[in-house]
Structures are given as structure tokens and as C-alpha cells.
Amino acid sequence: MLIENRAVRLVVIALLVLLTIPLVAMLGMMMFGGGMMAQMGGMQMSAGAMALCVLWTVLVAAALIFLIVLLIRGATGMRSPLPH
């Protein structure tokens, strides 16, 4: 298993979940709050920059979710493809 101590594993999972929540919230605001952001006069972002922000947010959130699933399930079923 990746982390043998159950308490430490639960703390790490909780921290990863707490890191994932703002990323998913930002992604939702970027996806569904376009009209509100268009009314803001100060900061203008190009479509390419916005796409990079969305892509970065999706990739980081996916990596954090993958780590959460990996820690919850454990790595007992994984075997090394290299011969021992």
C-alpha cells in the first residue's frame, strides 16, 4: 500500500479533497460565469488564455482526483511489469 498508516492516509486524502474543491469551483465559474465575466470592465482575457486556464484547472483537478482514488483503493492490486 502507498501509505500504511491509516490516520496519515486519511489526513492526506482530506487535504487532497480540500485542494480539489476550489479547483472544481473555479472551473464551474469559468465555464458557467462567462456572461458575468464579460461585464467586468477591468480585466480582459483572450479566448486562448481562458482555454489554457480551463485546461490547467481540469488537468490539476483530474490529477488530484486520481491521487484520491489511488490512496483510497490502495496499491495492492498493482504489480510491476518488470521481472524480479
PDB file of N, CA and C in Angstrom:
ATOM      1  N   MET A   1       0.837  -1.168   0.000  1.00  0.00           N
ATOM      2  CA  MET A   1       0.000   0.000   0.000  1.00  0.00           C
ATOM      3  C   MET A   1       0.893   1.246   0.000  1.00  0.00           C
ATOM      4  N   LEU A   2       0.385   2.313  -0.534  1.00  0.00           N
ATOM      5  CA  LEU A   2       1.178   3.529  -0.614  1.00  0.00           C
ATOM      6  C   LEU A   2       1.495   4.098   0.764  1.00  0.00           C
ATOM      7  N   ILE A   3       0.486   4.242   1.586  1.00  0.00           N
ATOM      8  CA  ILE A   3       0.674   4.741   2.947  1.00  0.00           C
ATOM      9  C   ILE A   3       0.061   3.700   3.881  1.00  0.00           C
ATOM     10  N   GLU A   4       0.892   3.105   4.704  1.00  0.00           N
ATOM     11  CA  GLU A   4       0.426   2.036   5.585  1.00  0.00           C
ATOM     12  C   GLU A   4      -0.379   2.559   6.769  1.00  0.00           C
ATOM     13  N   ASN A   5       0.005   3.702   7.310  1.00  0.00           N
ATOM     14  CA  ASN A   5      -0.673   4.244   8.476  1.00  0.00           C
ATOM     15  C   ASN A   5      -2.036   4.803   8.068  1.00  0.00           C
ATOM     16  N   ARG A   6      -3.087   4.277   8.664  1.00  0.00           N
ATOM     17  CA  ARG A   6      -4.454   4.657   8.284  1.00  0.00           C
ATOM     18  C   ARG A   6      -4.750   6.124   8.583  1.00  0.00           C
ATOM     19  N   ALA A   7      -4.297   6.619   9.726  1.00  0.00           N
ATOM     20  CA  ALA A   7      -4.568   8.009  10.096  1.00  0.00           C
ATOM     21  C   ALA A   7      -3.885   8.977   9.131  1.00  0.00           C
ATOM     22  N   VAL A   8      -2.647   8.692   8.789  1.00  0.00           N
ATOM     23  CA  VAL A   8      -1.922   9.557   7.852  1.00  0.00           C
ATOM     24  C   VAL A   8      -2.589   9.527   6.479  1.00  0.00           C
ATOM     25  N   ARG A   9      -3.023   8.345   6.059  1.00  0.00           N
ATOM     26  CA  ARG A   9      -3.687   8.227   4.760  1.00  0.00           C
ATOM     27  C   ARG A   9      -4.981   9.035   4.741  1.00  0.00           C
ATOM     28  N   LEU A  10      -5.761   9.008   5.823  1.00  0.00           N
ATOM     29  CA  LEU A  10      -6.999   9.782   5.881  1.00  0.00           C
ATOM     30  C   LEU A  10      -6.726  11.281   5.873  1.00  0.00           C
ATOM     31  N   VAL A  11      -5.661  11.705   6.538  1.00  0.00           N
ATOM     32  CA  VAL A  11      -5.301  13.127   6.542  1.00  0.00           C
ATOM     33  C   VAL A  11      -4.888  13.567   5.135  1.00  0.00           C
ATOM     34  N   VAL A  12      -4.100  12.751   4.452  1.00  0.00           N
ATOM     35  CA  VAL A  12      -3.668  13.090   3.092  1.00  0.00           C
ATOM     36  C   VAL A  12      -4.871  13.149   2.154  1.00  0.00           C
ATOM     37  N   ILE A  13      -5.782  12.198   2.275  1.00  0.00           N
ATOM     38  CA  ILE A  13      -6.985  12.201   1.435  1.00  0.00           C
ATOM     39  C   ILE A  13      -7.817  13.445   1.714  1.00  0.00           C
ATOM     40  N   ALA A  14      -7.975  13.812   2.983  1.00  0.00           N
ATOM     41  CA  ALA A  14      -8.741  15.007   3.324  1.00  0.00           C
ATOM     42  C   ALA A  14      -8.096  16.265   2.748  1.00  0.00           C
ATOM     43  N   LEU A  15      -6.774  16.359   2.819  1.00  0.00           N
ATOM     44  CA  LEU A  15      -6.085  17.524   2.246  1.00  0.00           C
ATOM     45  C   LEU A  15      -6.241  17.575   0.729  1.00  0.00           C
ATOM     46  N   LEU A  16      -6.178  16.429   0.074  1.00  0.00           N
ATOM     47  CA  LEU A  16      -6.357  16.406  -1.378  1.00  0.00           C
ATOM     48  C   LEU A  16      -7.781  16.808  -1.763  1.00  0.00           C
ATOM     49  N   VAL A  17      -8.754  16.373  -0.988  1.00  0.00           N
ATOM     50  CA  VAL A  17     -10.139  16.778  -1.258  1.00  0.00           C
ATOM     51  C   VAL A  17     -10.288  18.280  -1.063  1.00  0.00           C
ATOM     52  N   LEU A  18      -9.675  18.812  -0.004  1.00  0.00           N
ATOM     53  CA  LEU A  18      -9.753  20.257   0.228  1.00  0.00           C
ATOM     54  C   LEU A  18      -9.047  21.051  -0.864  1.00  0.00           C
ATOM     55  N   LEU A  19      -8.022  20.498  -1.484  1.00  0.00           N
ATOM     56  CA  LEU A  19      -7.371  21.164  -2.613  1.00  0.00           C
ATOM     57  C   LEU A  19      -8.202  21.062  -3.886  1.00  0.00           C
ATOM     58  N   THR A  20      -8.973  19.994  -4.018  1.00  0.00           N
ATOM     59  CA  THR A  20      -9.759  19.788  -5.231  1.00  0.00           C
ATOM     60  C   THR A  20     -10.995  20.680  -5.272  1.00  0.00           C
ATOM     61  N   ILE A  21     -11.603  20.948  -4.130  1.00  0.00           N
ATOM     62  CA  ILE A  21     -12.849  21.722  -4.087  1.00  0.00           C
ATOM     63  C   ILE A  21     -12.700  23.111  -4.726  1.00  0.00           C
ATOM     64  N   PRO A  22     -11.679  23.917  -4.384  1.00  0.00           N
ATOM     65  CA  PRO A  22     -11.577  25.231  -5.047  1.00  0.00           C
ATOM     66  C   PRO A  22     -11.313  25.122  -6.546  1.00  0.00           C
ATOM     67  N   LEU A  23     -10.577  24.099  -6.962  1.00  0.00           N
ATOM     68  CA  LEU A  23     -10.322  23.944  -8.397  1.00  0.00           C
ATOM     69  C   LEU A  23     -11.606  23.655  -9.164  1.00  0.00           C
ATOM     70  N   VAL A  24     -12.435  22.784  -8.618  1.00  0.00           N
ATOM     71  CA  VAL A  24     -13.702  22.475  -9.285  1.00  0.00           C
ATOM     72  C   VAL A  24     -14.626  23.696  -9.257  1.00  0.00           C
ATOM     73  N   ALA A  25     -14.606  24.443  -8.166  1.00  0.00           N
ATOM     74  CA  ALA A  25     -15.416  25.665  -8.093  1.00  0.00           C
ATOM     75  C   ALA A  25     -14.946  26.695  -9.120  1.00  0.00           C
ATOM     76  N   MET A  26     -13.621  26.864  -9.259  1.00  0.00           N
ATOM     77  CA  MET A  26     -13.098  27.789 -10.272  1.00  0.00           C
ATOM     78  C   MET A  26     -13.471  27.344 -11.673  1.00  0.00           C
ATOM     79  N   LEU A  27     -13.400  26.037 -11.910  1.00  0.00           N
ATOM     80  CA  LEU A  27     -13.760  25.524 -13.223  1.00  0.00           C
ATOM     81  C   LEU A  27     -15.225  25.817 -13.526  1.00  0.00           C
ATOM     82  N   GLY A  28     -16.093  25.612 -12.561  1.00  0.00           N
ATOM     83  CA  GLY A  28     -17.509  25.914 -12.757  1.00  0.00           C
ATOM     84  C   GLY A  28     -17.752  27.392 -13.015  1.00  0.00           C
ATOM     85  N   MET A  29     -17.030  28.253 -12.299  1.00  0.00           N
ATOM     86  CA  MET A  29     -17.195  29.687 -12.526  1.00  0.00           C
ATOM     87  C   MET A  29     -16.698  30.089 -13.908  1.00  0.00           C
ATOM     88  N   MET A  30     -15.615  29.466 -14.370  1.00  0.00           N
ATOM     89  CA  MET A  30     -15.106  29.798 -15.703  1.00  0.00           C
ATOM     90  C   MET A  30     -16.044  29.296 -16.794  1.00  0.00           C
ATOM     91  N   MET A  31     -16.635  28.126 -16.556  1.00  0.00           N
ATOM     92  CA  MET A  31     -17.488  27.544 -17.594  1.00  0.00           C
ATOM     93  C   MET A  31     -18.853  28.234 -17.665  1.00  0.00           C
ATOM     94  N   PHE A  32     -19.451  28.501 -16.517  1.00  0.00           N
ATOM     95  CA  PHE A  32     -20.829  28.999 -16.492  1.00  0.00           C
ATOM     96  C   PHE A  32     -20.949  30.475 -16.158  1.00  0.00           C
ATOM     97  N   GLY A  33     -19.869  31.115 -15.784  1.00  0.00           N
ATOM     98  CA  GLY A  33     -19.924  32.526 -15.428  1.00  0.00           C
ATOM     99  C   GLY A  33     -19.373  33.436 -16.502  1.00  0.00           C
ATOM    100  N   GLY A  34     -19.398  32.994 -17.754  1.00  0.00           N
ATOM    101  CA  GLY A  34     -18.837  33.795 -18.847  1.00  0.00           C
ATOM    102  C   GLY A  34     -19.545  35.120 -19.035  1.00  0.00           C
ATOM    103  N   GLY A  35     -20.851  35.132 -18.895  1.00  0.00           N
ATOM    104  CA  GLY A  35     -21.607  36.368 -19.050  1.00  0.00           C
ATOM    105  C   GLY A  35     -21.267  37.373 -17.970  1.00  0.00           C
ATOM    106  N   MET A  36     -21.097  36.896 -16.777  1.00  0.00           N
ATOM    107  CA  MET A  36     -20.758  37.784 -15.671  1.00  0.00           C
ATOM    108  C   MET A  36     -19.347  38.326 -15.850  1.00  0.00           C
ATOM    109  N   MET A  37     -18.430  37.458 -16.323  1.00  0.00           N
ATOM    110  CA  MET A  37     -17.058  37.914 -16.513  1.00  0.00           C
ATOM    111  C   MET A  37     -16.946  38.905 -17.673  1.00  0.00           C
ATOM    112  N   ALA A  38     -17.837  38.784 -18.657  1.00  0.00           N
ATOM    113  CA  ALA A  38     -17.803  39.704 -19.796  1.00  0.00           C
ATOM    114  C   ALA A  38     -18.214  41.109 -19.380  1.00  0.00           C
ATOM    115  N   GLN A  39     -19.019  41.234 -18.332  1.00  0.00           N
ATOM    116  CA  GLN A  39     -19.476  42.545 -17.885  1.00  0.00           C
ATOM    117  C   GLN A  39     -18.423  43.272 -17.054  1.00  0.00           C
ATOM    118  N   MET A  40     -17.438  42.543 -16.575  1.00  0.00           N
ATOM    119  CA  MET A  40     -16.376  43.180 -15.796  1.00  0.00           C
ATOM    120  C   MET A  40     -15.464  43.951 -16.748  1.00  0.00           C
ATOM    121  N   GLY A  41     -15.247  45.212 -16.481  1.00  0.00           N
ATOM    122  CA  GLY A  41     -14.520  46.044 -17.416  1.00  0.00           C
ATOM    123  C   GLY A  41     -13.010  46.012 -17.272  1.00  0.00           C
ATOM    124  N   GLY A  42     -12.499  45.749 -16.102  1.00  0.00           N
ATOM    125  CA  GLY A  42     -11.075  45.907 -15.860  1.00  0.00           C
ATOM    126  C   GLY A  42     -10.179  44.900 -16.548  1.00  0.00           C
ATOM    127  N   MET A  43     -10.421  43.634 -16.359  1.00  0.00           N
ATOM    128  CA  MET A  43      -9.502  42.612 -16.851  1.00  0.00           C
ATOM    129  C   MET A  43     -10.074  41.946 -18.096  1.00  0.00           C
ATOM    130  N   GLN A  44      -9.367  42.032 -19.177  1.00  0.00           N
ATOM    131  CA  GLN A  44      -9.794  41.393 -20.421  1.00  0.00           C
ATOM    132  C   GLN A  44      -8.867  40.225 -20.712  1.00  0.00           C
ATOM    133  N   MET A  45      -9.428  39.030 -20.884  1.00  0.00           N
ATOM    134  CA  MET A  45      -8.646  37.837 -21.201  1.00  0.00           C
ATOM    135  C   MET A  45      -9.012  37.357 -22.585  1.00  0.00           C
ATOM    136  N   SER A  46      -8.015  36.944 -23.321  1.00  0.00           N
ATOM    137  CA  SER A  46      -8.302  36.400 -24.638  1.00  0.00           C
ATOM    138  C   SER A  46      -8.868  34.990 -24.495  1.00  0.00           C
ATOM    139  N   ALA A  47      -9.442  34.500 -25.570  1.00  0.00           N
ATOM    140  CA  ALA A  47     -10.033  33.161 -25.539  1.00  0.00           C
ATOM    141  C   ALA A  47      -8.959  32.095 -25.340  1.00  0.00           C
ATOM    142  N   GLY A  48      -7.778  32.300 -25.897  1.00  0.00           N
ATOM    143  CA  GLY A  48      -6.695  31.341 -25.736  1.00  0.00           C
ATOM    144  C   GLY A  48      -6.214  31.251 -24.297  1.00  0.00           C
ATOM    145  N   ALA A  49      -6.094  32.405 -23.642  1.00  0.00           N
ATOM    146  CA  ALA A  49      -5.672  32.408 -22.246  1.00  0.00           C
ATOM    147  C   ALA A  49      -6.717  31.743 -21.362  1.00  0.00           C
ATOM    148  N   MET A  50      -7.992  31.994 -21.648  1.00  0.00           N
ATOM    149  CA  MET A  50      -9.059  31.366 -20.884  1.00  0.00           C
ATOM    150  C   MET A  50      -9.056  29.857 -21.105  1.00  0.00           C
ATOM    151  N   ALA A  51      -8.799  29.420 -22.337  1.00  0.00           N
ATOM    152  CA  ALA A  51      -8.744  27.985 -22.623  1.00  0.00           C
ATOM    153  C   ALA A  51      -7.580  27.334 -21.879  1.00  0.00           C
ATOM    154  N   LEU A  52      -6.436  28.012 -21.804  1.00  0.00           N
ATOM    155  CA  LEU A  52      -5.303  27.477 -21.044  1.00  0.00           C
ATOM    156  C   LEU A  52      -5.625  27.375 -19.555  1.00  0.00           C
ATOM    157  N   CYS A  53      -6.324  28.356 -19.028  1.00  0.00           N
ATOM    158  CA  CYS A  53      -6.719  28.312 -17.617  1.00  0.00           C
ATOM    159  C   CYS A  53      -7.660  27.142 -17.352  1.00  0.00           C
ATOM    160  N   VAL A  54      -8.620  26.949 -18.238  1.00  0.00           N
ATOM    161  CA  VAL A  54      -9.565  25.841 -18.081  1.00  0.00           C
ATOM    162  C   VAL A  54      -8.843  24.512 -18.210  1.00  0.00           C
ATOM    163  N   LEU A  55      -7.938  24.397 -19.182  1.00  0.00           N
ATOM    164  CA  LEU A  55      -7.195  23.160 -19.371  1.00  0.00           C
ATOM    165  C   LEU A  55      -6.326  22.842 -18.158  1.00  0.00           C
ATOM    166  N   TRP A  56      -5.644  23.860 -17.614  1.00  0.00           N
ATOM    167  CA  TRP A  56      -4.805  23.652 -16.440  1.00  0.00           C
ATOM    168  C   TRP A  56      -5.656  23.210 -15.250  1.00  0.00           C
ATOM    169  N   THR A  57      -6.797  23.854 -15.060  1.00  0.00           N
ATOM    170  CA  THR A  57      -7.672  23.512 -13.944  1.00  0.00           C
ATOM    171  C   THR A  57      -8.179  22.088 -14.067  1.00  0.00           C
ATOM    172  N   VAL A  58      -8.566  21.678 -15.275  1.00  0.00           N
ATOM    173  CA  VAL A  58      -9.060  20.316 -15.480  1.00  0.00           C
ATOM    174  C   VAL A  58      -7.956  19.297 -15.224  1.00  0.00           C
ATOM    175  N   LEU A  59      -6.760  19.557 -15.716  1.00  0.00           N
ATOM    176  CA  LEU A  59      -5.660  18.611 -15.514  1.00  0.00           C
ATOM    177  C   LEU A  59      -5.265  18.472 -14.044  1.00  0.00           C
ATOM    178  N   VAL A  60      -5.182  19.578 -13.329  1.00  0.00           N
ATOM    179  CA  VAL A  60      -4.811  19.514 -11.920  1.00  0.00           C
ATOM    180  C   VAL A  60      -5.908  18.838 -11.101  1.00  0.00           C
ATOM    181  N   ALA A  61      -7.168  19.158 -11.390  1.00  0.00           N
ATOM    182  CA  ALA A  61      -8.273  18.510 -10.674  1.00  0.00           C
ATOM    183  C   ALA A  61      -8.297  17.013 -10.965  1.00  0.00           C
ATOM    184  N   ALA A  62      -8.052  16.623 -12.213  1.00  0.00           N
ATOM    185  CA  ALA A  62      -8.021  15.196 -12.553  1.00  0.00           C
ATOM    186  C   ALA A  62      -6.870  14.485 -11.843  1.00  0.00           C
ATOM    187  N   ALA A  63      -5.722  15.139 -11.761  1.00  0.00           N
ATOM    188  CA  ALA A  63      -4.585  14.528 -11.059  1.00  0.00           C
ATOM    189  C   ALA A  63      -4.879  14.358  -9.578  1.00  0.00           C
ATOM    190  N   LEU A  64      -5.513  15.360  -8.965  1.00  0.00           N
ATOM    191  CA  LEU A  64      -5.858  15.244  -7.554  1.00  0.00           C
ATOM    192  C   LEU A  64      -6.898  14.163  -7.313  1.00  0.00           C
ATOM    193  N   ILE A  65      -7.891  14.065  -8.194  1.00  0.00           N
ATOM    194  CA  ILE A  65      -8.897  13.014  -8.056  1.00  0.00           C
ATOM    195  C   ILE A  65      -8.262  11.649  -8.242  1.00  0.00           C
ATOM    196  N   PHE A  66      -7.327  11.531  -9.183  1.00  0.00           N
ATOM    197  CA  PHE A  66      -6.619  10.265  -9.373  1.00  0.00           C
ATOM    198  C   PHE A  66      -5.839   9.879  -8.112  1.00  0.00           C
ATOM    199  N   LEU A  67      -5.171  10.846  -7.496  1.00  0.00           N
ATOM    200  CA  LEU A  67      -4.442  10.565  -6.258  1.00  0.00           C
ATOM    201  C   LEU A  67      -5.377  10.151  -5.130  1.00  0.00           C
ATOM    202  N   ILE A  68      -6.535  10.793  -5.039  1.00  0.00           N
ATOM    203  CA  ILE A  68      -7.505  10.424  -4.013  1.00  0.00           C
ATOM    204  C   ILE A  68      -7.968   8.993  -4.215  1.00  0.00           C
ATOM    205  N   VAL A  69      -8.328   8.645  -5.450  1.00  0.00           N
ATOM    206  CA  VAL A  69      -8.786   7.278  -5.740  1.00  0.00           C
ATOM    207  C   VAL A  69      -7.670   6.281  -5.473  1.00  0.00           C
ATOM    208  N   LEU A  70      -6.455   6.623  -5.853  1.00  0.00           N
ATOM    209  CA  LEU A  70      -5.318   5.727  -5.639  1.00  0.00           C
ATOM    210  C   LEU A  70      -5.078   5.480  -4.157  1.00  0.00           C
ATOM    211  N   LEU A  71      -5.199   6.532  -3.354  1.00  0.00           N
ATOM    212  CA  LEU A  71      -4.990   6.373  -1.919  1.00  0.00           C
ATOM    213  C   LEU A  71      -6.137   5.619  -1.258  1.00  0.00           C
ATOM    214  N   ILE A  72      -7.353   5.840  -1.721  1.00  0.00           N
ATOM    215  CA  ILE A  72      -8.493   5.148  -1.119  1.00  0.00           C
ATOM    216  C   ILE A  72      -8.453   3.660  -1.443  1.00  0.00           C
ATOM    217  N   ARG A  73      -8.220   3.335  -2.710  1.00  0.00           N
ATOM    218  CA  ARG A  73      -8.205   1.933  -3.119  1.00  0.00           C
ATOM    219  C   ARG A  73      -6.938   1.220  -2.677  1.00  0.00           C
ATOM    220  N   GLY A  74      -5.853   1.933  -2.588  1.00  0.00           N
ATOM    221  CA  GLY A  74      -4.579   1.319  -2.248  1.00  0.00           C
ATOM    222  C   GLY A  74      -3.905   0.782  -3.496  1.00  0.00           C
ATOM    223  N   ALA A  75      -2.663   0.433  -3.347  1.00  0.00           N
ATOM    224  CA  ALA A  75      -1.876  -0.039  -4.489  1.00  0.00           C
ATOM    225  C   ALA A  75      -1.603  -1.532  -4.378  1.00  0.00           C
ATOM    226  N   THR A  76      -2.472  -2.284  -3.702  1.00  0.00           N
ATOM    227  CA  THR A  76      -2.215  -3.705  -3.529  1.00  0.00           C
ATOM    228  C   THR A  76      -2.406  -4.479  -4.822  1.00  0.00           C
ATOM    229  N   GLY A  77      -3.275  -4.014  -5.693  1.00  0.00           N
ATOM    230  CA  GLY A  77      -3.536  -4.734  -6.934  1.00  0.00           C
ATOM    231  C   GLY A  77      -2.531  -4.427  -8.038  1.00  0.00           C
ATOM    232  N   MET A  78      -1.685  -3.437  -7.824  1.00  0.00           N
ATOM    233  CA  MET A  78      -0.732  -3.055  -8.851  1.00  0.00           C
ATOM    234  C   MET A  78       0.522  -3.931  -8.752  1.00  0.00           C
ATOM    235  N   ARG A  79       0.962  -4.383  -9.884  1.00  0.00           N
ATOM    236  CA  ARG A  79       2.196  -5.166  -9.934  1.00  0.00           C
ATOM    237  C   ARG A  79       3.152  -4.527 -10.913  1.00  0.00           C
ATOM    238  N   SER A  80       4.408  -4.673 -10.640  1.00  0.00           N
ATOM    239  CA  SER A  80       5.428  -4.110 -11.504  1.00  0.00           C
ATOM    240  C   SER A  80       5.541  -4.961 -12.772  1.00  0.00           C
ATOM    241  N   PRO A  81       5.594  -4.341 -13.941  1.00  0.00           N
ATOM    242  CA  PRO A  81       5.744  -5.112 -15.174  1.00  0.00           C
ATOM    243  C   PRO A  81       7.151  -5.656 -15.357  1.00  0.00           C
ATOM    244  N   LEU A  82       8.088  -5.173 -14.552  1.00  0.00           N
ATOM    245  CA  LEU A  82       9.462  -5.628 -14.671  1.00  0.00           C
ATOM    246  C   LEU A  82       9.650  -6.957 -13.926  1.00  0.00           C
ATOM    247  N   PRO A  83      10.466  -7.852 -14.468  1.00  0.00           N
ATOM    248  CA  PRO A  83      10.698  -9.112 -13.754  1.00  0.00           C
ATOM    249  C   PRO A  83      11.538  -8.878 -12.506  1.00  0.00           C
ATOM    250  N   HIS A  84      11.259  -9.664 -11.468  1.00  0.00           N
ATOM    251  CA  HIS A  84      12.001  -9.529 -10.208  1.00  0.00           C
ATOM    252  C   HIS A  84      13.035 -10.594 -10.089  1.00  0.00           C
TER     253      HIS A  84
END
